[in-house]
Amino acid sequence: MAESVRRFCNCAAFAACLLLGGTAIAGNAQHPDDPHYTASGFFDIHVCNWPDRPPFYLALYSTTHFNEVKSVRVFGPDGHFIDALALDKYSVIKHQGKPEKRVFMKQIPIAASNQDGWYRAEVRVGNDTDSARDFVIHQLLPQASGLNPVNGAEIVDIPPRLSWNPVDGAAWYQVYIRDQWNDGKLIYTSKLINKPWIELPQGLLEAGGYYSWKVHARDVDSHIQLGDFNIGSQSEWIEFTVRSD
């Protein structure tokens, strides 16, 4: 983590950070001191390093008030307009006993003139307009390497774990597994883990199976300044087979 961020996080009180231009950033009732929240939802923007494209921002806004959201516009630290999130592109989150939530997302190119600082989402909900902020530090998190099993491997026995080399700057990892015999269906998403390996659930993989997997790395988790995380990376998809009995 950059030294400026480390000093920032060691402040005795975070309240001073919430006073930008003399105006306090108001969160919602559940998160009154977190600048990433509006009364209706949550904003975050990450710096992403994926293997198949140049580095980019991934901006998102999650809300249970999705039917009322009219627009989500993103601005840089100097106030210039960057882009607007497409409201017809979203993922759905459902938890038993809780309202449905939608996450609007957009991949945005990183301009050469990018600046570190507070990025702002201007959110129009019904007739009201609110804003949320996320602090961005422009760094790149390396992609995970040394994945085991390796690409193209044919394994005699079902592997009890998957592993990779530690990623410099990463504190958390998440693993995704697809079943290639089943049209690449995603069959496993791990919880966030803080070590460079994962023990696989029994019965997840089968003899004769054909699978692919990748690792998502990130620097922090649910940080009051940096949001969900500031920088993240994904490895390439690694394919392997398990020999039949």
Protein backbone atom coordinates (compact mmCIF):
# COMPACT_ATOMS: atom_id res chain seq x y z
CA MET A 1 0.00 0.00 0.00
CA ALA A 2 1.31 3.43 -0.87
CA GLU A 3 2.84 5.42 2.00
CA SER A 4 0.29 8.21 1.56
CA VAL A 5 -2.53 5.72 2.09
CA ARG A 6 -0.80 4.17 5.08
CA ARG A 7 -0.53 7.57 6.76
CA PHE A 8 -4.15 8.27 5.88
CA CYS A 9 -5.36 5.03 7.44
CA ASN A 10 -3.41 5.62 10.65
CA CYS A 11 -5.29 8.84 11.41
CA ALA A 12 -7.00 8.79 14.78
CA ALA A 13 -10.32 9.72 13.23
CA PHE A 14 -11.62 9.23 9.73
CA ALA A 15 -14.08 12.12 10.01
CA ALA A 16 -11.64 14.63 8.56
CA CYS A 17 -11.46 12.59 5.38
CA LEU A 18 -15.21 12.94 4.95
CA LEU A 19 -14.95 16.70 4.69
CA LEU A 20 -14.17 17.30 1.06
CA GLY A 21 -14.38 20.92 0.04
CA GLY A 22 -16.00 21.68 3.38
CA THR A 23 -19.00 19.45 2.72
CA ALA A 24 -19.56 16.25 4.67
CA ILE A 25 -20.28 13.13 2.64
CA ALA A 26 -23.42 11.49 3.95
CA GLY A 27 -23.77 7.73 3.77
CA ASN A 28 -26.99 5.84 4.26
CA ALA A 29 -28.48 4.97 7.66
CA GLN A 30 -26.56 1.67 7.93
CA HIS A 31 -23.24 3.23 6.87
CA PRO A 32 -23.35 6.87 8.00
CA ASP A 33 -19.56 7.36 7.97
CA ASP A 34 -18.71 5.56 4.74
CA PRO A 35 -18.39 7.84 1.66
CA HIS A 36 -19.02 4.94 -0.73
CA TYR A 37 -22.72 4.85 0.21
CA THR A 38 -25.64 7.00 -0.81
CA ALA A 39 -29.10 6.69 0.68
CA SER A 40 -29.91 4.11 -2.00
CA GLY A 41 -26.75 2.14 -2.69
CA PHE A 42 -22.97 1.61 -2.86
CA PHE A 43 -20.36 2.93 -5.32
CA ASP A 44 -16.88 1.61 -6.00
CA ILE A 45 -14.30 1.86 -8.75
CA HIS A 46 -11.29 -0.48 -9.07
CA VAL A 47 -8.09 -0.51 -11.13
CA CYS A 48 -8.13 -3.91 -12.87
CA ASN A 49 -5.28 -5.88 -14.44
CA TRP A 50 -6.69 -8.74 -16.55
CA PRO A 51 -4.74 -10.91 -18.99
CA ASP A 52 -6.82 -10.25 -22.13
CA ARG A 53 -6.98 -6.43 -22.21
CA PRO A 54 -5.16 -3.26 -21.15
CA PRO A 55 -5.67 -2.14 -17.54
CA PHE A 56 -9.06 -0.50 -16.96
CA TYR A 57 -11.41 0.81 -14.30
CA LEU A 58 -14.32 -1.34 -13.23
CA ALA A 59 -16.95 1.02 -11.85
CA LEU A 60 -20.03 -0.34 -10.08
CA TYR A 61 -23.11 0.79 -8.23
CA SER A 62 -25.18 -1.73 -6.25
CA THR A 63 -28.70 -0.97 -5.06
CA THR A 64 -32.00 -2.48 -4.03
CA HIS A 65 -33.70 0.63 -5.48
CA PHE A 66 -32.83 -0.34 -9.05
CA ASN A 67 -36.30 0.45 -10.42
CA GLU A 68 -35.88 4.05 -9.27
CA VAL A 69 -32.32 4.66 -10.49
CA LYS A 70 -32.32 7.00 -13.49
CA SER A 71 -28.58 7.47 -14.01
CA VAL A 72 -25.15 6.85 -12.48
CA ARG A 73 -22.45 9.25 -13.75
CA VAL A 74 -18.77 8.97 -12.75
CA PHE A 75 -16.46 11.98 -12.31
CA GLY A 76 -12.71 12.25 -11.71
CA PRO A 77 -10.95 14.04 -8.82
CA ASP A 78 -10.79 17.29 -10.80
CA GLY A 79 -14.54 17.15 -11.48
CA HIS A 80 -14.40 16.10 -15.14
CA PHE A 81 -17.00 13.64 -16.40
CA ILE A 82 -15.56 10.19 -17.12
CA ASP A 83 -18.46 7.94 -18.11
CA ALA A 84 -21.96 6.79 -17.20
CA LEU A 85 -22.89 3.29 -16.08
CA ALA A 86 -25.22 1.43 -18.44
CA LEU A 87 -28.37 0.56 -16.52
CA ASP A 88 -29.17 -2.35 -18.85
CA LYS A 89 -25.98 -4.19 -17.83
CA TYR A 90 -26.05 -5.62 -14.33
CA SER A 91 -25.72 -8.71 -12.18
CA VAL A 92 -28.37 -9.80 -9.69
CA ILE A 93 -27.70 -10.64 -6.04
CA LYS A 94 -30.34 -12.53 -4.09
CA HIS A 95 -30.16 -13.52 -0.42
CA GLN A 96 -32.95 -15.31 1.37
CA GLY A 97 -35.06 -12.90 3.38
CA LYS A 98 -33.49 -9.81 1.78
CA PRO A 99 -34.59 -7.61 -1.14
CA GLU A 100 -33.12 -8.31 -4.56
CA LYS A 101 -30.07 -6.21 -5.37
CA ARG A 102 -28.70 -5.24 -8.76
CA VAL A 103 -25.10 -4.30 -9.45
CA PHE A 104 -24.65 -1.97 -12.42
CA MET A 105 -21.11 -2.26 -13.82
CA LYS A 106 -18.99 -0.79 -16.57
CA GLN A 107 -15.42 -1.24 -17.74
CA ILE A 108 -13.90 2.18 -18.40
CA PRO A 109 -10.54 2.86 -20.13
CA ILE A 110 -7.87 4.50 -17.97
CA ALA A 111 -6.75 7.77 -19.54
CA ALA A 112 -3.10 8.74 -19.65
CA SER A 113 -4.04 11.84 -17.65
CA ASN A 114 -5.48 9.81 -14.76
CA GLN A 115 -5.12 11.23 -11.27
CA ASP A 116 -5.08 9.69 -7.82
CA GLY A 117 -7.84 10.96 -5.58
CA TRP A 118 -11.55 10.85 -4.85
CA TYR A 119 -13.72 9.62 -7.73
CA ARG A 120 -17.38 10.52 -7.48
CA ALA A 121 -20.59 8.85 -8.63
CA GLU A 122 -23.54 11.18 -9.15
CA VAL A 123 -26.63 9.03 -8.72
CA ARG A 124 -30.09 10.14 -9.77
CA VAL A 125 -32.84 8.20 -7.98
CA GLY A 126 -36.35 9.34 -8.80
CA ASN A 127 -36.34 13.13 -8.49
CA ASP A 128 -33.35 13.18 -6.12
CA THR A 129 -29.63 13.31 -6.86
CA ASP A 130 -27.04 12.02 -4.42
CA SER A 131 -23.32 11.28 -4.65
CA ALA A 132 -20.83 8.74 -3.34
CA ARG A 133 -17.03 8.68 -3.50
CA ASP A 134 -14.19 6.20 -3.74
CA PHE A 135 -10.46 6.94 -3.38
CA VAL A 136 -8.35 5.57 -6.25
CA ILE A 137 -4.57 5.08 -6.27
CA HIS A 138 -3.27 4.11 -9.70
CA GLN A 139 -1.16 1.01 -9.30
CA LEU A 140 -1.23 -2.41 -10.99
CA LEU A 141 -1.53 -5.63 -9.04
CA PRO A 142 0.44 -8.46 -10.71
CA GLN A 143 -1.51 -11.41 -12.07
CA ALA A 144 -1.19 -14.67 -10.16
CA SER A 145 1.44 -17.05 -11.53
CA GLY A 146 2.64 -20.57 -10.77
CA LEU A 147 -0.88 -22.00 -10.82
CA ASN A 148 -0.95 -25.70 -9.96
CA PRO A 149 -2.32 -27.75 -11.71
CA VAL A 150 -0.65 -26.15 -14.71
CA ASN A 151 -2.35 -25.45 -18.01
CA GLY A 152 -2.96 -28.62 -20.05
CA ALA A 153 -2.18 -30.98 -17.18
CA GLU A 154 -3.70 -34.47 -17.06
CA ILE A 155 -3.99 -35.44 -13.41
CA VAL A 156 -4.15 -39.03 -12.21
CA ASP A 157 -6.05 -38.31 -9.01
CA ILE A 158 -8.58 -35.62 -8.13
CA PRO A 159 -6.52 -32.78 -6.61
CA PRO A 160 -7.34 -31.98 -2.97
CA ARG A 161 -6.20 -28.38 -3.39
CA LEU A 162 -5.30 -25.70 -5.93
CA SER A 163 -2.30 -23.44 -5.35
CA TRP A 164 -0.39 -20.50 -6.86
CA ASN A 165 2.51 -18.20 -6.04
CA PRO A 166 1.82 -15.36 -3.59
CA VAL A 167 1.04 -12.12 -5.44
CA ASP A 168 3.10 -9.14 -4.33
CA GLY A 169 0.71 -6.55 -2.91
CA ALA A 170 -2.26 -8.90 -2.60
CA ALA A 171 -3.91 -9.69 0.73
CA TRP A 172 -6.92 -11.62 -0.55
CA TYR A 173 -7.71 -14.15 -3.26
CA GLN A 174 -10.80 -15.69 -4.81
CA VAL A 175 -10.87 -18.82 -6.98
CA TYR A 176 -13.28 -19.63 -9.80
CA ILE A 177 -13.73 -23.09 -11.40
CA ARG A 178 -15.60 -23.96 -14.60
CA ASP A 179 -16.76 -27.36 -15.89
CA GLN A 180 -15.55 -27.45 -19.50
CA TRP A 181 -17.61 -30.58 -20.28
CA ASN A 182 -20.71 -28.58 -19.31
CA ASP A 183 -20.23 -25.64 -21.69
CA GLY A 184 -17.85 -23.92 -19.29
CA LYS A 185 -20.46 -23.58 -16.54
CA LEU A 186 -19.15 -21.87 -13.40
CA ILE A 187 -19.36 -24.54 -10.70
CA TYR A 188 -17.39 -22.98 -7.87
CA THR A 189 -16.63 -19.54 -6.48
CA SER A 190 -14.58 -19.51 -3.31
CA LYS A 191 -14.93 -17.12 -0.43
CA LEU A 192 -12.17 -14.56 -0.02
CA ILE A 193 -9.09 -16.31 1.32
CA ASN A 194 -5.81 -14.87 2.62
CA LYS A 195 -3.45 -17.66 1.54
CA PRO A 196 -2.21 -18.76 -1.92
CA TRP A 197 -3.98 -22.11 -1.96
CA ILE A 198 -7.44 -23.50 -1.43
CA GLU A 199 -8.72 -26.86 -0.20
CA LEU A 200 -11.42 -28.09 -2.59
CA PRO A 201 -14.80 -29.34 -1.36
CA GLN A 202 -15.19 -33.10 -1.61
CA GLY A 203 -17.23 -34.16 -4.63
CA LEU A 204 -16.70 -30.92 -6.55
CA LEU A 205 -14.35 -32.48 -9.13
CA GLU A 206 -14.83 -35.91 -10.70
CA ALA A 207 -12.66 -38.51 -12.41
CA GLY A 208 -12.78 -37.94 -16.16
CA GLY A 209 -13.57 -34.27 -15.66
CA TYR A 210 -12.30 -31.37 -17.74
CA TYR A 211 -12.00 -28.11 -15.82
CA SER A 212 -10.62 -24.59 -15.97
CA TRP A 213 -9.78 -22.30 -13.08
CA LYS A 214 -8.41 -18.83 -12.36
CA VAL A 215 -7.39 -16.64 -9.44
CA HIS A 216 -8.64 -13.15 -8.67
CA ALA A 217 -6.27 -11.22 -6.37
CA ARG A 218 -7.01 -7.96 -4.53
CA ASP A 219 -5.20 -5.66 -2.17
CA VAL A 220 -7.80 -5.02 0.56
CA ASP A 221 -11.31 -6.04 1.59
CA SER A 222 -14.05 -3.57 2.52
CA HIS A 223 -11.79 -0.60 3.24
CA ILE A 224 -13.46 2.64 4.35
CA GLN A 225 -11.26 4.70 2.00
CA LEU A 226 -10.58 2.30 -0.87
CA GLY A 227 -13.95 0.56 -0.92
CA ASP A 228 -14.25 -3.14 -1.76
CA PHE A 229 -10.66 -2.91 -2.99
CA ASN A 230 -8.45 -0.50 -4.92
CA ILE A 231 -6.42 -2.74 -7.23
CA GLY A 232 -7.21 -6.24 -8.46
CA SER A 233 -5.94 -8.74 -11.01
CA GLN A 234 -7.08 -11.95 -12.64
CA SER A 235 -4.93 -14.80 -13.88
CA GLU A 236 -5.50 -16.56 -17.17
CA TRP A 237 -7.91 -19.49 -17.20
CA ILE A 238 -5.93 -22.69 -16.58
CA GLU A 239 -7.34 -25.93 -18.03
CA PHE A 240 -6.71 -29.44 -16.72
CA THR A 241 -8.26 -32.90 -16.92
CA VAL A 242 -8.64 -35.65 -14.35
CA ARG A 243 -7.95 -39.15 -15.65
CA SER A 244 -10.86 -41.57 -15.66
CA ASP A 245 -10.88 -44.49 -13.21
